[in-house]
Amino acid sequence: MEQDNALAGTLRISNLTPLDRVVVDKVLAGERITDEDCLYLFEHKDLTFLGLLADLVRRRKNGKKTYFNRNFHVEPTNVCVYSCTFCSYSLRIKKREEGWELTMDQVLDQVKKFDNQPVTEVHIVGGVMPQYDFDFYTELYRRIKSHRPELHIKALTPVEYHYVFKKAKMSYEEGMKAMVNAGLDSMPGGGAEIFHPEIRDQIAGGKCSGDEWLEMHRVLHNLGKRSNATMLYGHIEQYWHRVDHMRQLRELQDETGGFQTFIPLKYRNQGNALSHLPEVSVIEDLKQYAIGRIYLDNFDHVKAYWPMIGRRTAQLSLSFGVDDMDGTIDDTTKIYSMAGAEDQHPAMSTVELVDMIRKAGYDPIERDTLYRVVNDFTGVTTESLAN
């Protein structure tokens, strides 16, 4: 309430337009803003205004808590049957000798490297190739669970599952139920890109459609599992495409309640077919985080994926609606470093994450994948952690 009153006082002495007041009054009252309101924020409002509103929503939902987890990534291959124009990571089959294609045992060896470390999640995602089929992934999940039952498997996006199930001649319902029975715990948010077909067909033609992406999540949610949601921004889309994308996420969340966090993903322009496009500014990054937090009122969390935007921007984002910093990663993902992300060796220790969150004025909370508290570092000094 004190924060609400402070914000209200700050905004009321500001030079607000009638449209500004409509949005402010809705946010102060805890009401949902419309698509038109959202587009207005994108097109007309500055970071100070957006940051005040987004931080209010963030604090109402999570106070000063800022979450992270101890995780690692396994990327079975960077060779792919698809040729997304924005992707700097995957190689077409004709160049497969330049990439990697791990065997089942090699994937399991990567998992076993973390046996003596307090990680809680393995994040599995990569290119789409025929050998990584239904039998491969169900067997992989079973073997991971047999080796380390408590390790949370967050694996594959609807892009991979759509290909796998189609090849196996299975429905989404049959396929997802089998994956869950094999050990799948949740699904990451990748592959969403931009839902609107006039953009999706240009940057991700041939992959599952926006409707199919949403349906895969719907099926998983109906099985009692959770997932995340992303949006790739800063390329050829316009603001209204972003609003359309977030609207569809909000509608599915109204229906299932299965999404945990929204993750805006910045387009990075090195080594892909869209390299002629300049990358958007940090101001645009923070604007997207803030508006996503204000608009997606039924999402509990907004995440800044620090390996993609860099540590400094991620730290800044905590004042623009973000309450999750993803995880320690431990230098196991190459997806964004290959696209030109600022951090070419994405790994952060728990001490570094705690320190970064605390210096931004927030309380560091280690979570598991389902946002259950593992460690509350609010009153713990970084010196004691380091020791």
Protein backbone atom coordinates (compact mmCIF):
# COMPACT_ATOMS: atom_id res chain seq x y z
CA MET A 1 0.00 0.00 0.00
CA GLU A 2 2.84 2.39 0.84
CA GLN A 3 4.43 1.69 -2.55
CA ASP A 4 1.07 2.25 -4.29
CA ASN A 5 0.58 5.57 -2.54
CA ALA A 6 4.12 6.69 -3.39
CA LEU A 7 3.60 5.83 -7.04
CA ALA A 8 0.22 7.50 -7.15
CA GLY A 9 1.70 10.64 -5.67
CA THR A 10 4.59 10.65 -8.13
CA LEU A 11 2.32 10.19 -11.12
CA ARG A 12 -0.29 12.71 -10.05
CA ILE A 13 2.22 15.52 -9.95
CA SER A 14 3.45 14.50 -13.39
CA ASN A 15 2.16 16.00 -16.59
CA LEU A 16 -0.17 13.15 -17.56
CA THR A 17 -2.33 13.09 -20.67
CA PRO A 18 -5.89 11.73 -20.48
CA LEU A 19 -4.67 8.45 -22.02
CA ASP A 20 -1.87 8.27 -19.47
CA ARG A 21 -4.40 8.58 -16.69
CA VAL A 22 -6.53 5.78 -18.10
CA VAL A 23 -3.59 3.38 -17.91
CA VAL A 24 -2.36 4.63 -14.54
CA ASP A 25 -5.80 4.35 -12.98
CA LYS A 26 -6.16 0.78 -14.22
CA VAL A 27 -2.79 -0.27 -12.87
CA LEU A 28 -3.38 1.42 -9.52
CA ALA A 29 -6.75 -0.33 -9.28
CA GLY A 30 -5.26 -3.70 -10.25
CA GLU A 31 -7.31 -3.81 -13.45
CA ARG A 32 -6.25 -5.33 -16.76
CA ILE A 33 -5.03 -2.98 -19.48
CA THR A 34 -6.31 -3.48 -23.02
CA ASP A 35 -4.43 -4.16 -26.24
CA GLU A 36 -4.96 -0.51 -27.18
CA ASP A 37 -3.48 0.60 -23.86
CA CYS A 38 -0.51 -1.68 -24.41
CA LEU A 39 0.17 -0.33 -27.90
CA TYR A 40 -0.10 3.20 -26.53
CA LEU A 41 2.61 2.41 -23.97
CA PHE A 42 4.92 1.06 -26.67
CA GLU A 43 4.44 4.01 -28.97
CA HIS A 44 4.27 6.96 -26.60
CA LYS A 45 5.66 6.40 -23.10
CA ASP A 46 9.17 6.84 -21.77
CA LEU A 47 11.13 4.58 -19.46
CA THR A 48 10.48 6.60 -16.31
CA PHE A 49 6.72 6.23 -16.69
CA LEU A 50 6.95 2.56 -17.67
CA GLY A 51 9.41 1.71 -14.92
CA LEU A 52 7.19 3.18 -12.21
CA LEU A 53 4.18 1.17 -13.34
CA ALA A 54 6.10 -2.06 -13.95
CA ASP A 55 7.87 -1.91 -10.61
CA LEU A 56 4.55 -1.45 -8.86
CA VAL A 57 3.14 -4.58 -10.51
CA ARG A 58 6.32 -6.50 -9.78
CA ARG A 59 6.33 -5.55 -6.08
CA ARG A 60 2.66 -6.39 -5.69
CA LYS A 61 3.32 -9.88 -7.01
CA ASN A 62 6.75 -10.65 -5.57
CA GLY A 63 7.86 -7.84 -3.28
CA LYS A 64 11.62 -7.38 -3.51
CA LYS A 65 12.22 -11.08 -4.16
CA THR A 66 14.38 -11.83 -7.18
CA TYR A 67 14.70 -15.46 -8.15
CA PHE A 68 17.40 -17.59 -9.72
CA ASN A 69 18.14 -21.29 -9.88
CA ARG A 70 21.17 -23.54 -10.18
CA ASN A 71 20.86 -25.16 -13.57
CA PHE A 72 22.82 -26.34 -16.56
CA HIS A 73 22.05 -26.76 -20.25
CA VAL A 74 22.50 -29.75 -22.51
CA GLU A 75 22.29 -29.09 -26.25
CA PRO A 76 22.29 -32.43 -28.11
CA THR A 77 22.91 -30.85 -31.52
CA ASN A 78 23.24 -27.56 -33.35
CA VAL A 79 22.36 -29.15 -36.69
CA CYS A 80 18.79 -28.56 -37.78
CA VAL A 81 16.35 -29.39 -40.55
CA TYR A 82 14.90 -25.88 -40.24
CA SER A 83 16.49 -22.64 -41.45
CA CYS A 84 15.15 -19.81 -39.33
CA THR A 85 16.49 -16.50 -40.59
CA PHE A 86 17.14 -15.13 -37.09
CA CYS A 87 19.12 -18.15 -35.87
CA SER A 88 22.90 -18.03 -35.50
CA TYR A 89 23.06 -21.34 -33.69
CA SER A 90 21.78 -24.14 -35.89
CA LEU A 91 23.44 -25.36 -39.07
CA ARG A 92 21.65 -26.81 -42.06
CA ILE A 93 22.22 -30.50 -42.69
CA LYS A 94 24.54 -29.76 -45.63
CA LYS A 95 26.98 -28.22 -43.13
CA ARG A 96 26.52 -30.82 -40.42
CA GLU A 97 30.23 -31.68 -40.34
CA GLU A 98 30.83 -28.23 -38.81
CA GLY A 99 28.46 -28.85 -35.92
CA TRP A 100 27.91 -31.42 -33.19
CA GLU A 101 25.48 -34.30 -32.84
CA LEU A 102 25.74 -35.99 -29.45
CA THR A 103 24.88 -39.60 -28.86
CA MET A 104 22.66 -40.70 -25.98
CA ASP A 105 25.71 -41.66 -23.93
CA GLN A 106 27.39 -38.31 -24.65
CA VAL A 107 24.31 -36.44 -23.46
CA LEU A 108 24.24 -38.52 -20.29
CA ASP A 109 27.94 -37.87 -19.75
CA GLN A 110 27.18 -34.14 -19.75
CA VAL A 111 24.48 -34.70 -17.14
CA LYS A 112 26.83 -36.78 -14.99
CA LYS A 113 29.43 -33.97 -14.95
CA PHE A 114 27.15 -32.21 -12.47
CA ASP A 115 26.64 -35.18 -10.13
CA ASN A 116 28.42 -33.57 -7.19
CA GLN A 117 26.98 -30.11 -7.69
CA PRO A 118 23.80 -28.71 -6.10
CA VAL A 119 22.00 -28.10 -9.39
CA THR A 120 18.25 -28.63 -9.47
CA GLU A 121 17.48 -28.46 -13.22
CA VAL A 122 18.74 -29.70 -16.56
CA HIS A 123 17.54 -27.62 -19.51
CA ILE A 124 17.61 -29.61 -22.77
CA VAL A 125 17.10 -27.88 -26.12
CA GLY A 126 18.81 -27.83 -29.48
CA GLY A 127 18.40 -28.35 -33.20
CA VAL A 128 15.86 -30.67 -34.85
CA MET A 129 17.24 -33.79 -36.51
CA PRO A 130 15.68 -37.15 -37.46
CA GLN A 131 17.77 -39.25 -35.07
CA TYR A 132 16.50 -37.24 -32.10
CA ASP A 133 13.11 -38.87 -32.24
CA PHE A 134 10.39 -40.11 -29.91
CA ASP A 135 12.38 -43.16 -28.78
CA PHE A 136 15.53 -41.10 -28.23
CA TYR A 137 13.92 -38.56 -25.92
CA THR A 138 11.73 -40.94 -23.94
CA GLU A 139 14.74 -43.17 -23.32
CA LEU A 140 16.91 -40.14 -22.47
CA TYR A 141 14.41 -38.87 -19.90
CA ARG A 142 14.12 -42.32 -18.32
CA ARG A 143 17.87 -42.69 -18.06
CA ILE A 144 18.32 -39.23 -16.54
CA LYS A 145 15.63 -39.96 -13.95
CA SER A 146 17.14 -43.36 -13.22
CA HIS A 147 20.53 -41.76 -12.67
CA ARG A 148 19.37 -38.70 -10.71
CA PRO A 149 15.65 -38.89 -9.83
CA GLU A 150 15.45 -35.47 -8.16
CA LEU A 151 16.85 -33.57 -11.15
CA HIS A 152 14.09 -31.54 -12.83
CA ILE A 153 13.96 -32.14 -16.59
CA LYS A 154 12.93 -28.99 -18.47
CA ALA A 155 13.21 -30.06 -22.05
CA LEU A 156 12.42 -29.24 -25.68
CA THR A 157 10.06 -26.68 -27.14
CA PRO A 158 6.91 -27.22 -29.20
CA VAL A 159 9.12 -26.93 -32.30
CA GLU A 160 10.98 -30.13 -31.38
CA TYR A 161 7.92 -31.94 -30.04
CA HIS A 162 5.83 -31.06 -33.12
CA TYR A 163 8.50 -32.63 -35.34
CA VAL A 164 8.97 -35.66 -33.06
CA PHE A 165 5.26 -36.42 -32.74
CA LYS A 166 4.56 -35.91 -36.43
CA LYS A 167 7.37 -38.31 -37.32
CA ALA A 168 6.00 -40.84 -34.82
CA LYS A 169 2.43 -40.35 -36.16
CA MET A 170 1.19 -39.39 -32.70
CA SER A 171 -1.19 -36.69 -31.52
CA TYR A 172 0.06 -33.98 -29.22
CA GLU A 173 -1.95 -35.57 -26.39
CA GLU A 174 -0.43 -39.02 -26.92
CA GLY A 175 3.07 -37.69 -27.35
CA MET A 176 3.11 -35.33 -24.38
CA LYS A 177 1.60 -37.93 -22.08
CA ALA A 178 4.38 -40.34 -23.05
CA MET A 179 7.06 -37.69 -22.48
CA VAL A 180 5.66 -36.89 -19.03
CA ASN A 181 5.51 -40.60 -18.16
CA ALA A 182 9.15 -40.91 -19.23
CA GLY A 183 10.23 -38.12 -16.87
CA LEU A 184 9.56 -34.73 -18.47
CA ASP A 185 8.82 -32.23 -15.69
CA SER A 186 8.27 -28.96 -17.56
CA MET A 187 8.76 -27.27 -20.91
CA PRO A 188 10.86 -24.18 -21.65
CA GLY A 189 9.36 -21.26 -23.52
CA GLY A 190 11.44 -21.26 -26.70
CA GLY A 191 10.21 -21.49 -30.27
CA ALA A 192 7.46 -18.93 -29.80
CA GLU A 193 9.28 -16.23 -31.80
CA ILE A 194 6.35 -14.06 -33.02
CA PHE A 195 2.99 -15.78 -33.41
CA HIS A 196 1.52 -13.64 -36.18
CA PRO A 197 1.92 -15.56 -39.47
CA GLU A 198 3.02 -12.54 -41.52
CA ILE A 199 6.15 -12.36 -39.35
CA ARG A 200 6.50 -16.01 -38.38
CA ASP A 201 6.44 -17.17 -42.00
CA GLN A 202 9.34 -14.84 -42.79
CA ILE A 203 11.61 -15.66 -39.85
CA ALA A 204 10.63 -19.23 -38.95
CA GLY A 205 8.90 -20.72 -41.95
CA GLY A 206 8.35 -24.48 -41.82
CA LYS A 207 8.31 -24.71 -38.04
CA CYS A 208 5.16 -25.27 -36.05
CA SER A 209 2.68 -22.40 -36.29
CA GLY A 210 1.83 -20.02 -33.47
CA ASP A 211 -1.44 -21.88 -32.93
CA GLU A 212 0.40 -25.20 -32.74
CA TRP A 213 2.92 -23.74 -30.27
CA LEU A 214 0.08 -22.63 -28.03
CA GLU A 215 -1.74 -25.96 -28.37
CA MET A 216 1.34 -27.90 -27.27
CA HIS A 217 1.50 -25.83 -24.10
CA ARG A 218 -2.23 -26.24 -23.56
CA VAL A 219 -1.85 -30.01 -23.73
CA LEU A 220 1.05 -30.00 -21.28
CA HIS A 221 -0.83 -27.72 -18.87
CA ASN A 222 -3.82 -30.03 -18.99
CA LEU A 223 -1.52 -32.85 -17.89
CA GLY A 224 -0.78 -30.85 -14.75
CA LYS A 225 2.67 -29.62 -15.84
CA ARG A 226 4.05 -26.10 -16.10
CA SER A 227 5.90 -24.23 -18.83
CA ASN A 228 7.36 -20.86 -19.74
CA ALA A 229 6.63 -18.47 -22.61
CA THR A 230 8.96 -16.37 -24.74
CA MET A 231 8.75 -13.72 -27.44
CA LEU A 232 11.55 -12.86 -29.85
CA TYR A 233 11.60 -9.09 -30.31
CA GLY A 234 13.72 -6.48 -32.07
CA HIS A 235 13.84 -7.76 -35.65
CA ILE A 236 11.22 -7.18 -38.40
CA GLU A 237 8.16 -7.12 -36.17
CA GLN A 238 6.18 -4.00 -35.28
CA TYR A 239 4.82 -3.11 -31.86
CA TRP A 240 1.34 -4.38 -32.70
CA HIS A 241 2.80 -7.81 -33.48
CA ARG A 242 4.23 -7.88 -29.96
CA VAL A 243 0.86 -6.92 -28.49
CA ASP A 244 -0.86 -9.63 -30.54
CA HIS A 245 1.69 -12.18 -29.33
CA MET A 246 1.30 -11.25 -25.66
CA ARG A 247 -2.50 -11.20 -25.99
CA GLN A 248 -2.48 -14.83 -27.11
CA LEU A 249 -0.25 -15.78 -24.19
CA ARG A 250 -2.53 -13.96 -21.76
CA GLU A 251 -5.60 -15.69 -23.18
CA LEU A 252 -4.08 -19.16 -22.82
CA GLN A 253 -2.96 -18.31 -19.30
CA ASP A 254 -6.53 -17.29 -18.48
CA GLU A 255 -7.62 -20.71 -19.70
CA THR A 256 -4.99 -23.01 -18.12
CA GLY A 257 -2.92 -21.06 -15.60
CA GLY A 258 0.02 -23.23 -16.65
CA PHE A 259 2.60 -20.59 -17.57
CA GLN A 260 5.12 -19.66 -14.90
CA THR A 261 7.14 -16.86 -16.44
CA PHE A 262 7.33 -14.60 -19.49
CA ILE A 263 10.77 -14.26 -21.07
CA PRO A 264 11.34 -11.57 -23.71
CA LEU A 265 14.22 -12.70 -25.94
CA LYS A 266 16.27 -10.06 -27.72
CA TYR A 267 17.20 -10.70 -31.34
CA ARG A 268 20.99 -10.76 -31.70
CA ASN A 269 22.34 -10.11 -35.19
CA GLN A 270 25.63 -11.94 -35.62
CA GLY A 271 25.96 -14.82 -38.05
CA ASN A 272 22.42 -15.13 -39.35
CA ALA A 273 20.33 -14.16 -42.37
CA LEU A 274 19.03 -11.01 -40.66
CA SER A 275 22.48 -9.65 -39.79
CA HIS A 276 21.76 -6.50 -41.78
CA LEU A 277 19.26 -5.45 -39.11
CA PRO A 278 20.63 -3.34 -36.27
CA GLU A 279 19.99 -4.59 -32.77
CA VAL A 280 17.57 -2.58 -30.65
CA SER A 281 18.89 -0.46 -27.81
CA VAL A 282 18.98 -1.15 -24.09
CA ILE A 283 16.15 1.37 -23.79
CA GLU A 284 14.04 -0.82 -26.05
CA ASP A 285 14.97 -3.88 -23.98
CA LEU A 286 13.85 -2.25 -20.75
CA LYS A 287 10.68 -0.95 -22.41
CA GLN A 288 9.76 -4.49 -23.46
CA TYR A 289 10.35 -5.90 -19.98
CA ALA A 290 8.29 -3.16 -18.36
CA ILE A 291 5.34 -3.37 -20.75
CA GLY A 292 5.36 -7.16 -20.60
CA ARG A 293 5.12 -6.93 -16.81
CA ILE A 294 2.24 -4.41 -16.96
CA TYR A 295 0.25 -6.22 -19.67
CA LEU A 296 0.65 -9.86 -18.59
CA ASP A 297 -1.22 -9.44 -15.35
CA ASN A 298 -1.88 -13.19 -15.00
CA PHE A 299 1.80 -14.19 -15.20
CA ASP A 300 3.51 -14.44 -11.83
CA HIS A 301 7.02 -13.83 -13.14
CA VAL A 302 9.01 -12.00 -15.82
CA LYS A 303 12.51 -13.27 -16.50
CA ALA A 304 15.58 -11.55 -17.92
CA TYR A 305 17.78 -14.16 -19.55
CA TRP A 306 21.14 -12.66 -18.63
CA PRO A 307 23.33 -14.65 -21.07
CA MET A 308 21.39 -13.02 -23.91
CA ILE A 309 21.21 -9.37 -22.81
CA GLY A 310 24.33 -9.18 -20.63
CA ARG A 311 24.71 -8.89 -16.88
CA ARG A 312 24.46 -5.11 -16.66
CA THR A 313 21.20 -4.84 -18.62
CA ALA A 314 19.79 -7.79 -16.70
CA GLN A 315 20.58 -6.00 -13.45
CA LEU A 316 18.90 -2.83 -14.72
CA SER A 317 15.83 -4.82 -15.73
CA LEU A 318 15.06 -5.56 -12.07
CA SER A 319 13.75 -1.99 -11.82
CA PHE A 320 11.54 -2.52 -14.89
CA GLY A 321 9.33 -5.40 -13.80
CA VAL A 322 11.75 -8.33 -13.88
CA ASP A 323 11.88 -10.63 -10.84
CA ASP A 324 13.81 -13.60 -12.22
CA MET A 325 17.42 -13.80 -13.44
CA ASP A 326 17.28 -17.40 -14.75
CA GLY A 327 20.18 -19.47 -13.43
CA THR A 328 23.86 -20.12 -12.99
CA ILE A 329 24.01 -21.77 -16.48
CA ASP A 330 27.69 -22.75 -15.89
CA ASP A 331 28.86 -22.07 -19.46
CA THR A 332 26.74 -24.89 -20.88
CA THR A 333 24.72 -22.93 -23.45
CA LYS A 334 26.03 -21.66 -26.77
CA ILE A 335 22.79 -20.43 -28.31
CA TYR A 336 23.26 -16.73 -27.56
CA SER A 337 27.04 -16.51 -27.47
CA MET A 338 27.02 -17.70 -31.09
CA ALA A 339 24.57 -14.93 -31.97
CA GLY A 340 26.76 -12.18 -30.55
CA ALA A 341 25.56 -11.90 -26.95
CA GLU A 342 27.78 -9.78 -24.72
CA ASP A 343 28.69 -12.69 -22.47
CA GLN A 344 30.65 -15.13 -24.64
CA HIS A 345 31.13 -17.62 -21.80
CA PRO A 346 27.82 -17.53 -19.92
CA ALA A 347 28.46 -18.79 -16.42
CA MET A 348 27.73 -17.14 -13.11
CA SER A 349 28.35 -18.52 -9.67
CA THR A 350 25.75 -18.34 -6.94
CA VAL A 351 27.89 -15.71 -5.21
CA GLU A 352 27.93 -13.55 -8.36
CA LEU A 353 24.17 -13.82 -8.87
CA VAL A 354 23.42 -13.02 -5.23
CA ASP A 355 25.77 -10.05 -5.32
CA MET A 356 24.30 -8.70 -8.56
CA ILE A 357 20.73 -8.93 -7.26
CA ARG A 358 21.59 -7.41 -3.89
CA LYS A 359 23.47 -4.47 -5.43
CA ALA A 360 20.32 -3.63 -7.42
CA GLY A 361 18.39 -3.34 -4.15
CA TYR A 362 16.49 -6.63 -4.25
CA ASP A 363 16.42 -9.83 -2.21
CA PRO A 364 18.11 -12.87 -3.81
CA ILE A 365 16.11 -16.10 -3.61
CA GLU A 366 17.33 -19.40 -4.98
CA ARG A 367 14.37 -21.35 -6.34
CA ASP A 368 13.75 -24.65 -7.99
CA THR A 369 12.12 -24.79 -11.42
CA LEU A 370 8.62 -24.55 -9.91
CA TYR A 371 9.53 -21.47 -7.82
CA ARG A 372 9.74 -23.29 -4.54
CA VAL A 373 12.33 -21.62 -2.31
CA VAL A 374 15.59 -23.56 -2.02
CA ASN A 375 17.65 -20.86 -0.24
CA ASP A 376 16.73 -17.37 0.90
CA PHE A 377 19.92 -15.32 0.70
CA THR A 378 18.31 -12.07 1.86
CA GLY A 379 20.33 -11.84 5.06
CA VAL A 380 23.38 -13.80 3.93
CA THR A 381 26.56 -11.90 3.12
CA THR A 382 28.41 -12.65 -0.09
CA GLU A 383 31.57 -13.09 1.99
CA SER A 384 30.04 -15.99 3.91
CA LEU A 385 28.79 -17.52 0.66
CA ALA A 386 32.23 -17.28 -0.87
CA ASN A 387 33.67 -19.12 2.09
